[in-house]
Every structure is written in structure tokens, then in C-alpha cells.
């Protein structure tokens, strides 16, 4: 398979039409615009209810409403699989995995992360994703008495699993036996650069934004957030049984980032696809089959 070179990509952020007026206003009100853009970075786009959601919810065998967000479960197996979506999405985005995993005897759960769908939060980031993931783990364990067996996460959801499994950030930390990363987006620096490019943000405003984001996240992480995700021990708490899957034509994440992740976590299995991009992997039958078999194989 021929390796593709890195290419420019536009993430799904705030619609670009507001970029030009914000850029103009930034010359007059630099501090105010920097603050607004920094806040906007953590404000998800309203993705709507999703036409498939009512039917998907009606098919659930289990519904947990005792935590911060509703959790929907399918199947009666005693091994539990959690689906974690990425930015500007909903838990149901990974719905194509449900039936194949249920047929293999698993119980599969999905939920909406902060700022999306039924979650009441208005702002979002990877830390809040991780915090909710831990709450979901506790709710499922309280209902079933069983631990989480595997987690399938997509894009920013992969970054959330890094934070959630870190006992220095959360007690108790998130724990599972198998972890599947699909198109992981785990570099805040790359995300920030893409956002600034998409919004045509001037360098001077970018620096002000970096400072604002740094000050907010340092309170949570207890260290420089822009350096935190470069730490050598960042992946120390991930399970040994990890599958990494990414596409050579991903339009959201740089290929160099994928290769860096592969080198750093040394997953048990790495699968490259071609031509599926960042999102179509979640609906691709061969992808779903390979991940299902990875989870089902002892």
C-alpha cells in the first residue's frame, strides 16, 4: 500500500463565514476577540437530534439514567463494550458496531459526551469527555456488577481515554481489557493549528489564545497543557491489548501524527485502510468485522 503524504485538512469547527469579520475586529479588540475565539474552541456545534437516534434508543435493552448522561445498552452478554464518539458527533455515530458485537455475545453501550446530544453540558474538551467516560464506567458497573471489557473510541474520544486511564488525573481511573482507537486525534497542538487555519486567526491572536487556554487547562492538568501530551509516560496506563486503525487519506488528522502514535503506543495490532477518510471507517463492513474479531478473540 502506498503511503500518502501529509495534506491540509479542515476539521469540523465553527462555520468559516464568521472568520473574516472576527479577523477584522481582532485589530481593534484583540483581547476580546482572543477570549471569544478561545471560548469558541470548546463550544461544540449543535449536531441536532439525528434522524436515527429515536429508533436506536427504542431498540436498547438497557437504559441507565442515574449518571450525568443517559447510557443505552444492547445485548445480554456479561462482557461490556463502551463506544466513545469524537468531536461534533454523538454516541450513536458508532452504532454500526452494535449488532455485530451483540451477535458475538457482548453487551454494547453508547452515550453522548459533554456538549453533544443528550448530555447537559454546554462546553467540552477531552478532559470532560474522560470525566464522563469514568462516570459511565461506574454506572455500568453499578448496574451489572461487571467491569468494562473493551472500549472503541474515535478521534477525540481516543484522547479522552488517555486522560481517563491516568490515575494522576482521576481516582478511580478508567479501566478496560481491550482498547480500540479509530482515527485517533490526540495532539492538541495540531488541533489548535487546524482551528486557527480554519478561522484565519492572526498569529498575535493565536498567542493570546494559547495563553488563555494554557491558564484554564493548567488548573486541571497541573502542568503546561501544550507539553503534557508530549510526555514519554503519556501512554503508560493504556491496556496492553490495543488496536490502532487509521486511514491513509484521513482529512482531519495528519499521517505523521498517526505514525507517531503507532511508534509510541506500540499497539498489539495496527490496521491501515485507504480511501475511507476520517468518518467512513465507522460504517465500513470490513473495518467493523476486523474490530469485532479483535475484541472477540481471547
Protein backbone atom coordinates (compact mmCIF):
# COMPACT_ATOMS: atom_id res chain seq x y z
CA UNK A 1 0.00 0.00 0.00
CA UNK A 2 1.45 3.37 -0.99
CA UNK A 3 1.86 5.82 1.86
CA UNK A 4 0.21 9.19 1.34
CA UNK A 5 1.96 12.42 2.21
CA UNK A 6 0.51 14.76 4.81
CA UNK A 7 -2.09 17.04 3.34
CA UNK A 8 -4.03 20.03 4.52
CA UNK A 9 -7.28 19.19 6.21
CA UNK A 10 -10.18 21.19 7.55
CA UNK A 11 -11.67 19.98 10.81
CA UNK A 12 -15.35 20.42 11.55
CA UNK A 13 -15.36 23.57 13.64
CA UNK A 14 -17.44 26.74 13.72
CA UNK A 15 -18.64 27.71 10.21
CA UNK A 16 -15.97 29.74 8.44
CA UNK A 17 -18.15 32.76 7.37
CA UNK A 18 -17.55 34.41 10.75
CA UNK A 19 -13.77 34.14 10.34
CA UNK A 20 -13.31 37.27 8.23
CA UNK A 21 -15.24 39.71 10.47
CA UNK A 22 -13.58 38.27 13.56
CA UNK A 23 -10.18 38.79 11.97
CA UNK A 24 -11.03 42.42 11.21
CA UNK A 25 -12.35 43.04 14.72
CA UNK A 26 -9.21 41.46 16.18
CA UNK A 27 -7.20 44.53 15.11
CA UNK A 28 -9.46 46.76 17.19
CA UNK A 29 -10.35 44.46 20.10
CA UNK A 30 -7.51 41.91 20.23
CA UNK A 31 -8.07 40.75 23.80
CA UNK A 32 -11.83 40.40 23.45
CA UNK A 33 -11.60 38.52 20.16
CA UNK A 34 -8.89 36.23 21.54
CA UNK A 35 -11.09 35.43 24.52
CA UNK A 36 -14.11 34.80 22.30
CA UNK A 37 -12.18 32.51 19.95
CA UNK A 38 -10.62 30.60 22.84
CA UNK A 39 -14.11 30.02 24.26
CA UNK A 40 -15.45 29.09 20.85
CA UNK A 41 -12.81 26.38 20.56
CA UNK A 42 -14.51 24.47 23.39
CA UNK A 43 -18.07 25.08 22.18
CA UNK A 44 -19.39 22.19 20.08
CA UNK A 45 -21.59 22.73 17.06
CA UNK A 46 -25.18 21.64 17.68
CA UNK A 47 -25.41 18.45 15.64
CA UNK A 48 -29.19 18.15 16.02
CA UNK A 49 -31.12 15.13 17.26
CA UNK A 50 -30.04 12.75 14.50
CA UNK A 51 -32.75 11.03 12.46
CA UNK A 52 -31.54 7.59 13.53
CA UNK A 53 -31.45 8.32 17.28
CA UNK A 54 -35.12 7.66 18.22
CA UNK A 55 -35.08 4.23 16.57
CA UNK A 56 -31.69 3.40 18.07
CA UNK A 57 -32.87 4.34 21.55
CA UNK A 58 -36.08 2.31 21.16
CA UNK A 59 -34.01 -0.80 20.41
CA UNK A 60 -31.98 -0.59 23.63
CA UNK A 61 -32.28 -3.46 26.10
CA UNK A 62 -30.94 -1.34 28.95
CA UNK A 63 -31.13 2.36 29.79
CA UNK A 64 -29.23 3.93 32.68
CA UNK A 65 -30.42 7.37 33.74
CA UNK A 66 -28.68 7.70 37.09
CA UNK A 67 -25.48 9.42 35.89
CA UNK A 68 -24.61 12.67 34.15
CA UNK A 69 -25.98 11.49 30.78
CA UNK A 70 -28.26 8.64 29.62
CA UNK A 71 -26.49 5.40 28.69
CA UNK A 72 -28.02 2.95 26.22
CA UNK A 73 -27.15 -0.75 26.26
CA UNK A 74 -27.76 -3.61 23.80
CA UNK A 75 -27.42 -7.34 24.30
CA UNK A 76 -27.31 -9.55 27.39
CA UNK A 77 -23.67 -10.60 27.47
CA UNK A 78 -21.57 -10.34 30.62
CA UNK A 79 -18.67 -8.64 28.81
CA UNK A 80 -19.31 -4.96 28.27
CA UNK A 81 -18.18 -2.76 25.38
CA UNK A 82 -18.30 1.05 25.55
CA UNK A 83 -18.47 3.19 22.40
CA UNK A 84 -16.96 6.68 22.64
CA UNK A 85 -17.52 9.21 19.85
CA UNK A 86 -15.35 12.15 18.82
CA UNK A 87 -15.85 15.90 18.38
CA UNK A 88 -19.09 17.19 16.86
CA UNK A 89 -20.72 13.77 16.94
CA UNK A 90 -22.99 11.60 19.08
CA UNK A 91 -22.57 8.21 20.70
CA UNK A 92 -24.85 6.72 18.09
CA UNK A 93 -22.23 7.55 15.46
CA UNK A 94 -20.65 4.17 16.23
CA UNK A 95 -23.98 2.32 16.04
CA UNK A 96 -22.84 0.01 13.21
CA UNK A 97 -20.68 -1.84 15.74
CA UNK A 98 -23.62 -2.75 17.98
CA UNK A 99 -25.25 -5.70 16.19
CA UNK A 100 -22.01 -7.50 15.20
CA UNK A 101 -20.76 -7.28 18.80
CA UNK A 102 -24.10 -8.35 20.26
CA UNK A 103 -24.04 -11.40 17.94
CA UNK A 104 -20.65 -12.26 19.44
CA UNK A 105 -22.24 -12.27 22.90
CA UNK A 106 -21.25 -8.81 24.14
CA UNK A 107 -23.30 -6.08 25.76
CA UNK A 108 -22.65 -2.77 23.98
CA UNK A 109 -23.18 0.71 25.43
CA UNK A 110 -23.17 4.24 24.00
CA UNK A 111 -23.69 7.71 25.42
CA UNK A 112 -23.29 11.36 24.47
CA UNK A 113 -20.18 13.21 25.67
CA UNK A 114 -20.33 16.77 27.12
CA UNK A 115 -21.76 19.35 24.76
CA UNK A 116 -23.40 16.81 22.44
CA UNK A 117 -26.81 15.20 22.14
CA UNK A 118 -28.47 14.46 25.47
CA UNK A 119 -25.53 15.46 27.64
CA UNK A 120 -26.47 18.65 29.52
CA UNK A 121 -23.00 20.23 29.23
CA UNK A 122 -22.57 23.29 27.04
CA UNK A 123 -18.78 23.27 26.75
CA UNK A 124 -16.50 20.37 26.00
CA UNK A 125 -12.91 19.17 25.84
CA UNK A 126 -11.03 15.90 26.12
CA UNK A 127 -10.84 16.14 29.90
CA UNK A 128 -14.63 16.47 30.20
CA UNK A 129 -15.00 13.58 27.75
CA UNK A 130 -12.78 11.49 30.02
CA UNK A 131 -14.63 12.56 33.15
CA UNK A 132 -17.93 11.44 31.63
CA UNK A 133 -16.36 8.16 30.45
CA UNK A 134 -15.43 7.36 34.05
CA UNK A 135 -18.95 8.18 35.22
CA UNK A 136 -20.31 5.84 32.53
CA UNK A 137 -17.96 3.08 33.73
CA UNK A 138 -19.19 3.50 37.30
CA UNK A 139 -22.85 3.47 36.24
CA UNK A 140 -22.45 0.30 34.15
CA UNK A 141 -20.55 -1.47 36.93
CA UNK A 142 -23.17 -0.46 39.48
CA UNK A 143 -25.94 -1.90 37.27
CA UNK A 144 -24.21 -5.08 36.08
CA UNK A 145 -21.53 -5.80 38.66
CA UNK A 146 -19.09 -6.31 35.78
CA UNK A 147 -16.05 -4.30 34.59
CA UNK A 148 -15.67 -2.79 31.13
CA UNK A 149 -14.11 -5.33 28.79
CA UNK A 150 -13.36 -3.14 25.74
CA UNK A 151 -13.64 0.46 24.58
CA UNK A 152 -13.99 1.57 20.97
CA UNK A 153 -13.13 5.25 20.63
CA UNK A 154 -12.97 7.55 17.62
CA UNK A 155 -10.97 10.73 17.01
CA UNK A 156 -11.02 12.99 20.11
CA UNK A 157 -12.52 10.10 22.07
CA UNK A 158 -9.09 8.46 21.87
CA UNK A 159 -7.51 11.45 23.61
CA UNK A 160 -10.19 11.19 26.29
CA UNK A 161 -9.19 7.58 27.03
CA UNK A 162 -5.59 8.70 27.62
CA UNK A 163 -6.76 11.14 30.28
CA UNK A 164 -9.40 8.86 31.80
CA UNK A 165 -6.94 5.99 32.34
CA UNK A 166 -4.39 8.24 34.06
CA UNK A 167 -4.60 7.72 37.85
CA UNK A 168 -2.84 11.06 38.41
CA UNK A 169 -5.88 12.80 36.93
CA UNK A 170 -8.72 10.53 38.04
CA UNK A 171 -9.33 8.29 41.04
CA UNK A 172 -10.54 5.73 40.30
CA UNK A 173 -9.21 5.82 36.76
CA UNK A 174 -10.94 4.27 33.77
CA UNK A 175 -10.01 0.66 33.10
CA UNK A 176 -10.69 -1.87 30.35
CA UNK A 177 -9.03 -5.01 28.97
CA UNK A 178 -9.02 -4.05 25.28
CA UNK A 179 -8.82 -0.63 23.67
CA UNK A 180 -9.57 0.21 20.05
CA UNK A 181 -8.51 3.57 18.62
CA UNK A 182 -10.07 4.58 15.31
CA UNK A 183 -8.51 7.63 13.60
CA UNK A 184 -7.11 8.99 16.89
CA UNK A 185 -6.76 12.74 17.24
CA UNK A 186 -4.59 13.22 20.31
CA UNK A 187 -2.41 16.26 19.56
CA UNK A 188 -3.90 19.49 20.97
CA UNK A 189 -1.20 21.45 19.15
CA UNK A 190 -2.28 20.02 15.78
CA UNK A 191 -5.95 20.61 16.63
CA UNK A 192 -5.22 24.20 17.63
CA UNK A 193 -3.21 24.89 14.47
CA UNK A 194 -6.02 23.45 12.32
CA UNK A 195 -8.60 25.54 14.14
CA UNK A 196 -6.56 28.71 13.69
CA UNK A 197 -6.05 27.96 9.99
CA UNK A 198 -9.75 27.28 9.52
CA UNK A 199 -10.70 30.53 11.27
CA UNK A 200 -7.92 32.64 9.66
CA UNK A 201 -6.67 33.74 13.08
CA UNK A 202 -3.70 36.11 13.16
CA UNK A 203 -0.51 34.98 14.89
CA UNK A 204 -0.79 37.68 17.57
CA UNK A 205 -4.30 36.49 18.46
CA UNK A 206 -3.16 32.87 18.45
CA UNK A 207 -0.58 33.65 21.09
CA UNK A 208 -3.19 35.32 23.29
CA UNK A 209 -5.48 32.33 22.84
CA UNK A 210 -2.72 29.88 23.72
CA UNK A 211 -2.16 31.76 26.97
CA UNK A 212 -5.85 31.71 27.87
CA UNK A 213 -6.21 28.00 27.10
CA UNK A 214 -2.97 27.27 28.96
CA UNK A 215 -4.19 29.05 32.10
CA UNK A 216 -7.54 27.20 32.09
CA UNK A 217 -6.17 23.72 31.42
CA UNK A 218 -3.14 24.02 33.70
CA UNK A 219 -5.52 24.18 36.66
CA UNK A 220 -6.86 20.75 35.64
CA UNK A 221 -3.70 19.02 34.42
CA UNK A 222 -1.35 20.62 36.99
CA UNK A 223 1.19 21.33 34.25
CA UNK A 224 1.61 23.02 30.88
CA UNK A 225 -1.20 21.54 28.73
CA UNK A 226 0.71 22.17 25.50
CA UNK A 227 3.56 19.98 26.77
CA UNK A 228 1.51 17.44 28.74
CA UNK A 229 0.61 15.40 25.67
CA UNK A 230 4.27 15.08 24.66
CA UNK A 231 5.21 13.28 27.87
CA UNK A 232 7.06 9.99 27.47
CA UNK A 233 4.83 8.30 30.05
CA UNK A 234 1.59 9.53 28.48
CA UNK A 235 0.51 6.06 27.33
CA UNK A 236 1.77 4.07 30.32
CA UNK A 237 -1.72 3.40 31.66
CA UNK A 238 -3.33 2.11 28.46
CA UNK A 239 -4.19 -1.61 28.30
CA UNK A 240 -1.69 -3.91 26.60
CA UNK A 241 -4.30 -5.22 24.16
CA UNK A 242 -4.68 -2.20 21.91
CA UNK A 243 -5.71 -1.92 18.27
CA UNK A 244 -4.87 1.19 16.24
CA UNK A 245 -6.72 1.83 12.99
CA UNK A 246 -6.33 4.81 10.67
CA UNK A 247 -6.80 5.74 7.03
CA UNK A 248 -4.09 6.95 4.65
CA UNK A 249 -6.49 9.59 3.30
CA UNK A 250 -7.77 10.95 6.61
CA UNK A 251 -8.93 14.54 6.08
CA UNK A 252 -8.78 15.52 9.76
CA UNK A 253 -5.53 14.14 11.22
CA UNK A 254 -2.02 14.27 9.77
CA UNK A 255 -0.40 10.99 8.77
CA UNK A 256 2.70 11.97 10.75
CA UNK A 257 0.53 12.13 13.87
CA UNK A 258 -0.79 8.62 13.22
CA UNK A 259 2.72 7.27 12.70
CA UNK A 260 3.90 8.97 15.89
CA UNK A 261 1.05 7.37 17.83
CA UNK A 262 1.87 3.98 16.36
CA UNK A 263 5.54 4.33 17.35
CA UNK A 264 4.74 5.50 20.86
CA UNK A 265 1.99 3.10 21.97
CA UNK A 266 3.27 0.06 20.03
CA UNK A 267 -0.22 -1.46 19.71
CA UNK A 268 -0.83 -5.17 19.54
CA UNK A 269 -2.36 -4.61 16.12
CA UNK A 270 -2.17 -1.73 13.60
CA UNK A 271 -4.50 -1.61 10.61
CA UNK A 272 -4.27 0.94 7.80
CA UNK A 273 -7.15 1.49 5.43
CA UNK A 274 -7.16 3.56 2.25
CA UNK A 275 -9.85 5.84 0.90
CA UNK A 276 -12.23 5.79 3.91
CA UNK A 277 -11.13 9.09 5.39
CA UNK A 278 -11.88 10.08 8.98
CA UNK A 279 -15.54 9.09 9.27
CA UNK A 280 -16.47 6.38 6.75
CA UNK A 281 -14.41 3.89 8.75
CA UNK A 282 -17.22 3.84 11.29
CA UNK A 283 -19.62 2.38 8.74
CA UNK A 284 -17.27 0.19 6.73
CA UNK A 285 -18.15 -3.53 6.99
CA UNK A 286 -14.55 -4.87 6.78
CA UNK A 287 -13.42 -2.39 9.44
CA UNK A 288 -16.27 -3.39 11.74
CA UNK A 289 -15.54 -7.06 11.16
CA UNK A 290 -11.83 -6.70 11.96
CA UNK A 291 -12.51 -4.78 15.15
CA UNK A 292 -15.21 -7.23 16.22
CA UNK A 293 -12.82 -10.13 15.74
CA UNK A 294 -10.08 -8.37 17.67
CA UNK A 295 -12.45 -7.93 20.61
CA UNK A 296 -13.89 -11.44 20.37
CA UNK A 297 -10.50 -13.18 20.15
CA UNK A 298 -9.16 -14.18 23.55
